[in-house]
PDB file of N, CA and C in Angstrom:
ATOM      1  N   MET A   1       0.819  -1.190   0.000  1.00  0.00           N
ATOM      2  CA  MET A   1       0.000   0.000   0.000  1.00  0.00           C
ATOM      3  C   MET A   1       0.866   1.259   0.000  1.00  0.00           C
ATOM      4  N   ASN A   2       2.008   1.194   0.665  1.00  0.00           N
ATOM      5  CA  ASN A   2       2.891   2.363   0.676  1.00  0.00           C
ATOM      6  C   ASN A   2       3.404   2.693  -0.726  1.00  0.00           C
ATOM      7  N   GLY A   3       3.544   1.687  -1.586  1.00  0.00           N
ATOM      8  CA  GLY A   3       3.989   1.940  -2.958  1.00  0.00           C
ATOM      9  C   GLY A   3       2.976   2.768  -3.730  1.00  0.00           C
ATOM     10  N   VAL A   4       1.705   2.456  -3.567  1.00  0.00           N
ATOM     11  CA  VAL A   4       0.645   3.217  -4.233  1.00  0.00           C
ATOM     12  C   VAL A   4       0.602   4.641  -3.700  1.00  0.00           C
ATOM     13  N   ILE A   5       0.716   4.767  -2.398  1.00  0.00           N
ATOM     14  CA  ILE A   5       0.695   6.098  -1.779  1.00  0.00           C
ATOM     15  C   ILE A   5       1.899   6.920  -2.240  1.00  0.00           C
ATOM     16  N   THR A   6       3.050   6.264  -2.385  1.00  0.00           N
ATOM     17  CA  THR A   6       4.247   6.954  -2.857  1.00  0.00           C
ATOM     18  C   THR A   6       4.051   7.487  -4.269  1.00  0.00           C
ATOM     19  N   VAL A   7       3.493   6.664  -5.149  1.00  0.00           N
ATOM     20  CA  VAL A   7       3.274   7.089  -6.538  1.00  0.00           C
ATOM     21  C   VAL A   7       2.265   8.236  -6.596  1.00  0.00           C
ATOM     22  N   VAL A   8       1.202   8.131  -5.811  1.00  0.00           N
ATOM     23  CA  VAL A   8       0.190   9.198  -5.809  1.00  0.00           C
ATOM     24  C   VAL A   8       0.791  10.504  -5.293  1.00  0.00           C
ATOM     25  N   TRP A   9       1.574  10.443  -4.206  1.00  0.00           N
ATOM     26  CA  TRP A   9       2.191  11.656  -3.689  1.00  0.00           C
ATOM     27  C   TRP A   9       3.231  12.226  -4.656  1.00  0.00           C
ATOM     28  N   LEU A  10       3.957  11.347  -5.331  1.00  0.00           N
ATOM     29  CA  LEU A  10       4.958  11.824  -6.285  1.00  0.00           C
ATOM     30  C   LEU A  10       4.296  12.564  -7.440  1.00  0.00           C
ATOM     31  N   ILE A  11       3.221  12.013  -7.951  1.00  0.00           N
ATOM     32  CA  ILE A  11       2.483  12.692  -9.027  1.00  0.00           C
ATOM     33  C   ILE A  11       1.900  14.010  -8.515  1.00  0.00           C
ATOM     34  N   SER A  12       1.368  13.999  -7.305  1.00  0.00           N
ATOM     35  CA  SER A  12       0.787  15.227  -6.742  1.00  0.00           C
ATOM     36  C   SER A  12       1.839  16.311  -6.545  1.00  0.00           C
ATOM     37  N   VAL A  13       3.035  15.910  -6.099  1.00  0.00           N
ATOM     38  CA  VAL A  13       4.101  16.888  -5.881  1.00  0.00           C
ATOM     39  C   VAL A  13       4.563  17.469  -7.209  1.00  0.00           C
ATOM     40  N   VAL A  14       4.691  16.634  -8.233  1.00  0.00           N
ATOM     41  CA  VAL A  14       5.126  17.136  -9.540  1.00  0.00           C
ATOM     42  C   VAL A  14       4.082  18.071 -10.127  1.00  0.00           C
ATOM     43  N   VAL A  15       2.815  17.663 -10.093  1.00  0.00           N
ATOM     44  CA  VAL A  15       1.750  18.523 -10.630  1.00  0.00           C
ATOM     45  C   VAL A  15       1.621  19.793  -9.801  1.00  0.00           C
ATOM     46  N   GLY A  16       1.679  19.665  -8.470  1.00  0.00           N
ATOM     47  CA  GLY A  16       1.614  20.854  -7.615  1.00  0.00           C
ATOM     48  C   GLY A  16       2.810  21.767  -7.809  1.00  0.00           C
ATOM     49  N   GLY A  17       3.966  21.175  -8.054  1.00  0.00           N
ATOM     50  CA  GLY A  17       5.161  21.985  -8.303  1.00  0.00           C
ATOM     51  C   GLY A  17       5.054  22.752  -9.606  1.00  0.00           C
ATOM     52  N   LEU A  18       4.513  22.097 -10.622  1.00  0.00           N
ATOM     53  CA  LEU A  18       4.332  22.799 -11.894  1.00  0.00           C
ATOM     54  C   LEU A  18       3.262  23.878 -11.790  1.00  0.00           C
ATOM     55  N   ALA A  19       2.198  23.588 -11.055  1.00  0.00           N
ATOM     56  CA  ALA A  19       1.104  24.552 -10.939  1.00  0.00           C
ATOM     57  C   ALA A  19       1.487  25.750 -10.077  1.00  0.00           C
ATOM     58  N   SER A  20       2.388  25.556  -9.140  1.00  0.00           N
ATOM     59  CA  SER A  20       2.740  26.649  -8.230  1.00  0.00           C
ATOM     60  C   SER A  20       4.127  27.217  -8.502  1.00  0.00           C
ATOM     61  N   CYS A  21       4.638  26.977  -9.680  1.00  0.00           N
ATOM     62  CA  CYS A  21       5.953  27.477 -10.086  1.00  0.00           C
ATOM     63  C   CYS A  21       7.065  27.011  -9.148  1.00  0.00           C
ATOM     64  N   GLY A  22       6.971  25.764  -8.678  1.00  0.00           N
ATOM     65  CA  GLY A  22       8.034  25.170  -7.891  1.00  0.00           C
ATOM     66  C   GLY A  22       7.822  25.141  -6.400  1.00  0.00           C
ATOM     67  N   ILE A  23       6.860  25.882  -5.900  1.00  0.00           N
ATOM     68  CA  ILE A  23       6.643  25.907  -4.450  1.00  0.00           C
ATOM     69  C   ILE A  23       6.109  24.559  -3.962  1.00  0.00           C
ATOM     70  N   GLY A  24       5.284  23.891  -4.758  1.00  0.00           N
ATOM     71  CA  GLY A  24       4.741  22.591  -4.383  1.00  0.00           C
ATOM     72  C   GLY A  24       5.795  21.512  -4.276  1.00  0.00           C
ATOM     73  N   CYS A  25       6.950  21.735  -4.888  1.00  0.00           N
ATOM     74  CA  CYS A  25       8.037  20.744  -4.812  1.00  0.00           C
ATOM     75  C   CYS A  25       8.667  20.682  -3.427  1.00  0.00           C
ATOM     76  N   LEU A  26       8.310  21.616  -2.557  1.00  0.00           N
ATOM     77  CA  LEU A  26       8.812  21.571  -1.185  1.00  0.00           C
ATOM     78  C   LEU A  26       8.237  20.380  -0.423  1.00  0.00           C
ATOM     79  N   LEU A  27       7.184  19.775  -0.945  1.00  0.00           N
ATOM     80  CA  LEU A  27       6.576  18.614  -0.296  1.00  0.00           C
ATOM     81  C   LEU A  27       7.185  17.297  -0.758  1.00  0.00           C
ATOM     82  N   ILE A  28       8.342  17.326  -1.373  1.00  0.00           N
ATOM     83  CA  ILE A  28       8.974  16.129  -1.905  1.00  0.00           C
ATOM     84  C   ILE A  28       9.354  15.148  -0.794  1.00  0.00           C
ATOM     85  N   PHE A  29       9.451  15.620   0.448  1.00  0.00           N
ATOM     86  CA  PHE A  29       9.810  14.714   1.544  1.00  0.00           C
ATOM     87  C   PHE A  29       8.709  13.681   1.813  1.00  0.00           C
ATOM     88  N   ILE A  30       7.464  13.973   1.456  1.00  0.00           N
ATOM     89  CA  ILE A  30       6.372  13.029   1.727  1.00  0.00           C
ATOM     90  C   ILE A  30       6.528  11.752   0.909  1.00  0.00           C
ATOM     91  N   PRO A  31       6.695  11.826  -0.441  1.00  0.00           N
ATOM     92  CA  PRO A  31       6.905  10.560  -1.153  1.00  0.00           C
ATOM     93  C   PRO A  31       8.229   9.885  -0.815  1.00  0.00           C
ATOM     94  N   MET A  32       9.201  10.646  -0.345  1.00  0.00           N
ATOM     95  CA  MET A  32      10.462  10.015   0.058  1.00  0.00           C
ATOM     96  C   MET A  32      10.269   9.173   1.315  1.00  0.00           C
ATOM     97  N   ILE A  33       9.514   9.669   2.270  1.00  0.00           N
ATOM     98  CA  ILE A  33       9.258   8.928   3.510  1.00  0.00           C
ATOM     99  C   ILE A  33       8.387   7.710   3.239  1.00  0.00           C
ATOM    100  N   THR A  34       7.329   7.867   2.457  1.00  0.00           N
ATOM    101  CA  THR A  34       6.462   6.724   2.165  1.00  0.00           C
ATOM    102  C   THR A  34       7.187   5.687   1.305  1.00  0.00           C
ATOM    103  N   GLY A  35       8.068   6.136   0.430  1.00  0.00           N
ATOM    104  CA  GLY A  35       8.862   5.194  -0.369  1.00  0.00           C
ATOM    105  C   GLY A  35       9.844   4.410   0.483  1.00  0.00           C
ATOM    106  N   ALA A  36      10.456   5.071   1.452  1.00  0.00           N
ATOM    107  CA  ALA A  36      11.370   4.376   2.364  1.00  0.00           C
ATOM    108  C   ALA A  36      10.615   3.347   3.193  1.00  0.00           C
ATOM    109  N   ALA A  37       9.404   3.681   3.636  1.00  0.00           N
ATOM    110  CA  ALA A  37       8.594   2.728   4.390  1.00  0.00           C
ATOM    111  C   ALA A  37       8.190   1.543   3.514  1.00  0.00           C
ATOM    112  N   CYS A  38       7.946   1.799   2.240  1.00  0.00           N
ATOM    113  CA  CYS A  38       7.621   0.722   1.304  1.00  0.00           C
ATOM    114  C   CYS A  38       8.804  -0.237   1.157  1.00  0.00           C
ATOM    115  N   ILE A  39       9.991   0.293   1.031  1.00  0.00           N
ATOM    116  CA  ILE A  39      11.192  -0.552   0.910  1.00  0.00           C
ATOM    117  C   ILE A  39      11.411  -1.346   2.197  1.00  0.00           C
ATOM    118  N   LEU A  40      11.198  -0.718   3.340  1.00  0.00           N
ATOM    119  CA  LEU A  40      11.335  -1.424   4.617  1.00  0.00           C
ATOM    120  C   LEU A  40      10.308  -2.549   4.743  1.00  0.00           C
ATOM    121  N   ASP A  41       9.092  -2.319   4.240  1.00  0.00           N
ATOM    122  CA  ASP A  41       8.076  -3.368   4.279  1.00  0.00           C
ATOM    123  C   ASP A  41       8.469  -4.558   3.412  1.00  0.00           C
ATOM    124  N   ILE A  42       9.014  -4.292   2.251  1.00  0.00           N
ATOM    125  CA  ILE A  42       9.461  -5.378   1.369  1.00  0.00           C
ATOM    126  C   ILE A  42      10.583  -6.165   2.028  1.00  0.00           C
ATOM    127  N   MET A  43      11.519  -5.462   2.657  1.00  0.00           N
ATOM    128  CA  MET A  43      12.612  -6.141   3.348  1.00  0.00           C
ATOM    129  C   MET A  43      12.092  -6.945   4.543  1.00  0.00           C
ATOM    130  N   ALA A  44      11.094  -6.410   5.251  1.00  0.00           N
ATOM    131  CA  ALA A  44      10.541  -7.111   6.409  1.00  0.00           C
ATOM    132  C   ALA A  44       9.840  -8.397   5.993  1.00  0.00           C
ATOM    133  N   VAL A  45       9.132  -8.372   4.885  1.00  0.00           N
ATOM    134  CA  VAL A  45       8.460  -9.583   4.405  1.00  0.00           C
ATOM    135  C   VAL A  45       9.478 -10.651   4.043  1.00  0.00           C
ATOM    136  N   SER A  46      10.582 -10.247   3.470  1.00  0.00           N
ATOM    137  CA  SER A  46      11.591 -11.235   3.089  1.00  0.00           C
ATOM    138  C   SER A  46      12.319 -11.805   4.305  1.00  0.00           C
ATOM    139  N   LYS A  47      12.371 -11.061   5.397  1.00  0.00           N
ATOM    140  CA  LYS A  47      13.090 -11.529   6.586  1.00  0.00           C
ATOM    141  C   LYS A  47      12.215 -12.328   7.550  1.00  0.00           C
ATOM    142  N   VAL A  48      10.911 -12.240   7.437  1.00  0.00           N
ATOM    143  CA  VAL A  48      10.019 -12.882   8.391  1.00  0.00           C
ATOM    144  C   VAL A  48      10.116 -14.404   8.342  1.00  0.00           C
ATOM    145  N   ASN A  49      10.358 -14.976   7.195  1.00  0.00           N
ATOM    146  CA  ASN A  49      10.370 -16.432   7.063  1.00  0.00           C
ATOM    147  C   ASN A  49      11.619 -17.070   7.650  1.00  0.00           C
ATOM    148  N   ALA A  50      12.668 -16.318   7.851  1.00  0.00           N
ATOM    149  CA  ALA A  50      13.905 -16.855   8.425  1.00  0.00           C
ATOM    150  C   ALA A  50      14.231 -16.083   9.709  1.00  0.00           C
ATOM    151  N   PRO A  51      13.590 -16.470  10.809  1.00  0.00           N
ATOM    152  CA  PRO A  51      13.804 -15.691  12.041  1.00  0.00           C
ATOM    153  C   PRO A  51      15.222 -15.829  12.563  1.00  0.00           C
ATOM    154  N   SER A  52      15.758 -14.724  12.984  1.00  0.00           N
ATOM    155  CA  SER A  52      17.063 -14.689  13.629  1.00  0.00           C
ATOM    156  C   SER A  52      17.006 -13.646  14.742  1.00  0.00           C
ATOM    157  N   ALA A  53      18.129 -13.374  15.336  1.00  0.00           N
ATOM    158  CA  ALA A  53      18.149 -12.493  16.511  1.00  0.00           C
ATOM    159  C   ALA A  53      17.720 -11.063  16.185  1.00  0.00           C
ATOM    160  N   GLY A  54      18.077 -10.534  15.037  1.00  0.00           N
ATOM    161  CA  GLY A  54      17.798  -9.138  14.734  1.00  0.00           C
ATOM    162  C   GLY A  54      16.504  -8.885  13.996  1.00  0.00           C
ATOM    163  N   VAL A  55      15.765  -9.930  13.651  1.00  0.00           N
ATOM    164  CA  VAL A  55      14.564  -9.752  12.838  1.00  0.00           C
ATOM    165  C   VAL A  55      13.455  -9.058  13.633  1.00  0.00           C
ATOM    166  N   GLY A  56      13.305  -9.397  14.892  1.00  0.00           N
ATOM    167  CA  GLY A  56      12.260  -8.783  15.701  1.00  0.00           C
ATOM    168  C   GLY A  56      12.423  -7.280  15.821  1.00  0.00           C
ATOM    169  N   SER A  57      13.645  -6.825  16.050  1.00  0.00           N
ATOM    170  CA  SER A  57      13.875  -5.383  16.152  1.00  0.00           C
ATOM    171  C   SER A  57      13.706  -4.694  14.802  1.00  0.00           C
ATOM    172  N   PHE A  58      14.079  -5.391  13.710  1.00  0.00           N
ATOM    173  CA  PHE A  58      13.876  -4.808  12.387  1.00  0.00           C
ATOM    174  C   PHE A  58      12.386  -4.673  12.079  1.00  0.00           C
ATOM    175  N   LEU A  59      11.590  -5.661  12.486  1.00  0.00           N
ATOM    176  CA  LEU A  59      10.145  -5.581  12.266  1.00  0.00           C
ATOM    177  C   LEU A  59       9.534  -4.449  13.084  1.00  0.00           C
ATOM    178  N   ASN A  60      10.042  -4.227  14.295  1.00  0.00           N
ATOM    179  CA  ASN A  60       9.587  -3.074  15.081  1.00  0.00           C
ATOM    180  C   ASN A  60       9.924  -1.771  14.371  1.00  0.00           C
ATOM    181  N   PHE A  61      11.130  -1.684  13.808  1.00  0.00           N
ATOM    182  CA  PHE A  61      11.530  -0.484  13.078  1.00  0.00           C
ATOM    183  C   PHE A  61      10.646  -0.274  11.846  1.00  0.00           C
ATOM    184  N   ALA A  62      10.323  -1.354  11.129  1.00  0.00           N
ATOM    185  CA  ALA A  62       9.459  -1.246   9.953  1.00  0.00           C
ATOM    186  C   ALA A  62       8.046  -0.819  10.356  1.00  0.00           C
ATOM    187  N   ALA A  63       7.561  -1.303  11.500  1.00  0.00           N
ATOM    188  CA  ALA A  63       6.238  -0.904  11.967  1.00  0.00           C
ATOM    189  C   ALA A  63       6.215   0.576  12.348  1.00  0.00           C
ATOM    190  N   ILE A  64       7.281   1.046  12.980  1.00  0.00           N
ATOM    191  CA  ILE A  64       7.369   2.474  13.320  1.00  0.00           C
ATOM    192  C   ILE A  64       7.445   3.315  12.042  1.00  0.00           C
ATOM    193  N   ALA A  65       8.175   2.824  11.046  1.00  0.00           N
ATOM    194  CA  ALA A  65       8.251   3.540   9.768  1.00  0.00           C
ATOM    195  C   ALA A  65       6.883   3.606   9.104  1.00  0.00           C
ATOM    196  N   ASP A  66       6.066   2.548   9.227  1.00  0.00           N
ATOM    197  CA  ASP A  66       4.716   2.584   8.681  1.00  0.00           C
ATOM    198  C   ASP A  66       3.853   3.615   9.405  1.00  0.00           C
ATOM    199  N   ILE A  67       4.004   3.698  10.711  1.00  0.00           N
ATOM    200  CA  ILE A  67       3.234   4.687  11.474  1.00  0.00           C
ATOM    201  C   ILE A  67       3.626   6.098  11.053  1.00  0.00           C
ATOM    202  N   VAL A  68       4.912   6.344  10.916  1.00  0.00           N
ATOM    203  CA  VAL A  68       5.386   7.671  10.501  1.00  0.00           C
ATOM    204  C   VAL A  68       4.920   7.982   9.079  1.00  0.00           C
ATOM    205  N   ALA A  69       5.025   7.005   8.183  1.00  0.00           N
ATOM    206  CA  ALA A  69       4.597   7.225   6.795  1.00  0.00           C
ATOM    207  C   ALA A  69       3.101   7.476   6.718  1.00  0.00           C
ATOM    208  N   GLY A  70       2.332   6.786   7.541  1.00  0.00           N
ATOM    209  CA  GLY A  70       0.888   7.034   7.558  1.00  0.00           C
ATOM    210  C   GLY A  70       0.543   8.407   8.089  1.00  0.00           C
ATOM    211  N   ALA A  71       1.275   8.846   9.106  1.00  0.00           N
ATOM    212  CA  ALA A  71       1.008  10.164   9.674  1.00  0.00           C
ATOM    213  C   ALA A  71       1.463  11.280   8.739  1.00  0.00           C
ATOM    214  N   VAL A  72       2.633  11.117   8.135  1.00  0.00           N
ATOM    215  CA  VAL A  72       3.167  12.154   7.245  1.00  0.00           C
ATOM    216  C   VAL A  72       2.410  12.173   5.920  1.00  0.00           C
ATOM    217  N   GLY A  73       2.080  10.987   5.409  1.00  0.00           N
ATOM    218  CA  GLY A  73       1.411  10.900   4.117  1.00  0.00           C
ATOM    219  C   GLY A  73      -0.091  11.020   4.180  1.00  0.00           C
ATOM    220  N   PHE A  74      -0.638  11.263   5.376  1.00  0.00           N
ATOM    221  CA  PHE A  74      -2.082  11.411   5.573  1.00  0.00           C
ATOM    222  C   PHE A  74      -2.845  10.202   5.025  1.00  0.00           C
ATOM    223  N   SER A  75      -2.337   9.007   5.301  1.00  0.00           N
ATOM    224  CA  SER A  75      -2.997   7.795   4.821  1.00  0.00           C
ATOM    225  C   SER A  75      -3.298   6.895   6.010  1.00  0.00           C
ATOM    226  N   LEU A  76      -4.500   6.409   6.038  1.00  0.00           N
ATOM    227  CA  LEU A  76      -4.983   5.668   7.188  1.00  0.00           C
ATOM    228  C   LEU A  76      -4.495   4.221   7.209  1.00  0.00           C
ATOM    229  N   VAL A  77      -4.383   3.581   6.051  1.00  0.00           N
ATOM    230  CA  VAL A  77      -4.032   2.162   6.004  1.00  0.00           C
ATOM    231  C   VAL A  77      -2.634   1.887   6.577  1.00  0.00           C
ATOM    232  N   PRO A  78      -1.568   2.573   6.136  1.00  0.00           N
ATOM    233  CA  PRO A  78      -0.269   2.295   6.753  1.00  0.00           C
ATOM    234  C   PRO A  78      -0.227   2.646   8.241  1.00  0.00           C
ATOM    235  N   LEU A  79      -0.953   3.661   8.632  1.00  0.00           N
ATOM    236  CA  LEU A  79      -0.992   4.044  10.034  1.00  0.00           C
ATOM    237  C   LEU A  79      -1.592   2.925  10.876  1.00  0.00           C
ATOM    238  N   VAL A  80      -2.730   2.401  10.447  1.00  0.00           N
ATOM    239  CA  VAL A  80      -3.388   1.317  11.178  1.00  0.00           C
ATOM    240  C   VAL A  80      -2.548   0.041  11.132  1.00  0.00           C
ATOM    241  N   MET A  81      -1.971  -0.263   9.981  1.00  0.00           N
ATOM    242  CA  MET A  81      -1.148  -1.473   9.864  1.00  0.00           C
ATOM    243  C   MET A  81       0.104  -1.383  10.734  1.00  0.00           C
ATOM    244  N   GLY A  82       0.690  -0.220  10.837  1.00  0.00           N
ATOM    245  CA  GLY A  82       1.850  -0.041  11.705  1.00  0.00           C
ATOM    246  C   GLY A  82       1.495  -0.220  13.170  1.00  0.00           C
ATOM    247  N   ILE A  83       0.353   0.321  13.570  1.00  0.00           N
ATOM    248  CA  ILE A  83      -0.089   0.169  14.957  1.00  0.00           C
ATOM    249  C   ILE A  83      -0.405  -1.289  15.260  1.00  0.00           C
ATOM    250  N   LEU A  84      -1.104  -1.960  14.339  1.00  0.00           N
ATOM    251  CA  LEU A  84      -1.416  -3.375  14.546  1.00  0.00           C
ATOM    252  C   LEU A  84      -0.152  -4.229  14.573  1.00  0.00           C
ATOM    253  N   SER A  85       0.810  -3.897  13.743  1.00  0.00           N
ATOM    254  CA  SER A  85       2.078  -4.636  13.756  1.00  0.00           C
ATOM    255  C   SER A  85       2.778  -4.488  15.094  1.00  0.00           C
ATOM    256  N   MET A  86       2.789  -3.278  15.636  1.00  0.00           N
ATOM    257  CA  MET A  86       3.415  -3.067  16.937  1.00  0.00           C
ATOM    258  C   MET A  86       2.693  -3.858  18.029  1.00  0.00           C
ATOM    259  N   VAL A  87       1.367  -3.917  17.959  1.00  0.00           N
ATOM    260  CA  VAL A  87       0.602  -4.660  18.956  1.00  0.00           C
ATOM    261  C   VAL A  87       0.906  -6.152  18.863  1.00  0.00           C
ATOM    262  N   PHE A  88       0.912  -6.691  17.639  1.00  0.00           N
ATOM    263  CA  PHE A  88       1.166  -8.126  17.477  1.00  0.00           C
ATOM    264  C   PHE A  88       2.615  -8.493  17.804  1.00  0.00           C
ATOM    265  N   LEU A  89       3.533  -7.604  17.542  1.00  0.00           N
ATOM    266  CA  LEU A  89       4.940  -7.903  17.844  1.00  0.00           C
ATOM    267  C   LEU A  89       5.225  -7.906  19.339  1.00  0.00           C
ATOM    268  N   GLN A  90       4.315  -7.378  20.150  1.00  0.00           N
ATOM    269  CA  GLN A  90       4.505  -7.374  21.600  1.00  0.00           C
ATOM    270  C   GLN A  90       3.965  -8.634  22.273  1.00  0.00           C
ATOM    271  N   LYS A  91       3.288  -9.496  21.521  1.00  0.00           N
ATOM    272  CA  LYS A  91       2.757 -10.732  22.107  1.00  0.00           C
ATOM    273  C   LYS A  91       3.903 -11.677  22.445  1.00  0.00           C
ATOM    274  N   PRO A  92       3.792 -12.393  23.565  1.00  0.00           N
ATOM    275  CA  PRO A  92       4.892 -13.266  23.996  1.00  0.00           C
ATOM    276  C   PRO A  92       5.221 -14.383  23.003  1.00  0.00           C
ATOM    277  N   GLU A  93       4.229 -14.974  22.367  1.00  0.00           N
ATOM    278  CA  GLU A  93       4.516 -16.056  21.423  1.00  0.00           C
ATOM    279  C   GLU A  93       5.236 -15.544  20.178  1.00  0.00           C
ATOM    280  N   VAL A  94       4.939 -14.324  19.781  1.00  0.00           N
ATOM    281  CA  VAL A  94       5.637 -13.736  18.626  1.00  0.00           C
ATOM    282  C   VAL A  94       7.089 -13.400  19.024  1.00  0.00           C
ATOM    283  N   GLN A  95       7.263 -12.885  20.211  1.00  0.00           N
ATOM    284  CA  GLN A  95       8.613 -12.579  20.688  1.00  0.00           C
ATOM    285  C   GLN A  95       9.440 -13.844  20.847  1.00  0.00           C
ATOM    286  N   ARG A  96       8.820 -14.941  21.284  1.00  0.00           N
ATOM    287  CA  ARG A  96       9.546 -16.210  21.382  1.00  0.00           C
ATOM    288  C   ARG A  96       9.936 -16.718  19.994  1.00  0.00           C
ATOM    289  N   TYR A  97       9.086 -16.497  18.993  1.00  0.00           N
ATOM    290  CA  TYR A  97       9.374 -16.946  17.636  1.00  0.00           C
ATOM    291  C   TYR A  97      10.610 -16.233  17.080  1.00  0.00           C
ATOM    292  N   PHE A  98      10.756 -14.953  17.379  1.00  0.00           N
ATOM    293  CA  PHE A  98      11.878 -14.189  16.842  1.00  0.00           C
ATOM    294  C   PHE A  98      13.081 -14.167  17.775  1.00  0.00           C
ATOM    295  N   ALA A  99      13.001 -14.835  18.919  1.00  0.00           N
ATOM    296  CA  ALA A  99      14.130 -14.845  19.862  1.00  0.00           C
ATOM    297  C   ALA A  99      15.221 -15.800  19.426  1.00  0.00           C
TER     298      ALA A  99
END
């Protein structure tokens, strides 16, 4: 979902930048943050199947990045998914799996 949000924000920033003679390009940090969260999500999915010592902390970092991307990008889905990920990662059985 962050990939779609990144593309939409990138198009909006380019169109807004052209319409406002470059002032709209000041919002370029929004698609950069959502794009970084998208890359972190892809990396987290690839690491989940092979649990090791550092995977749990990386998943926490990816969940925090989703929360930040949802708040900065004004999108509800990554925000909710990041919060739910943080809640599920705090369960004892999940922590034992990644220990």
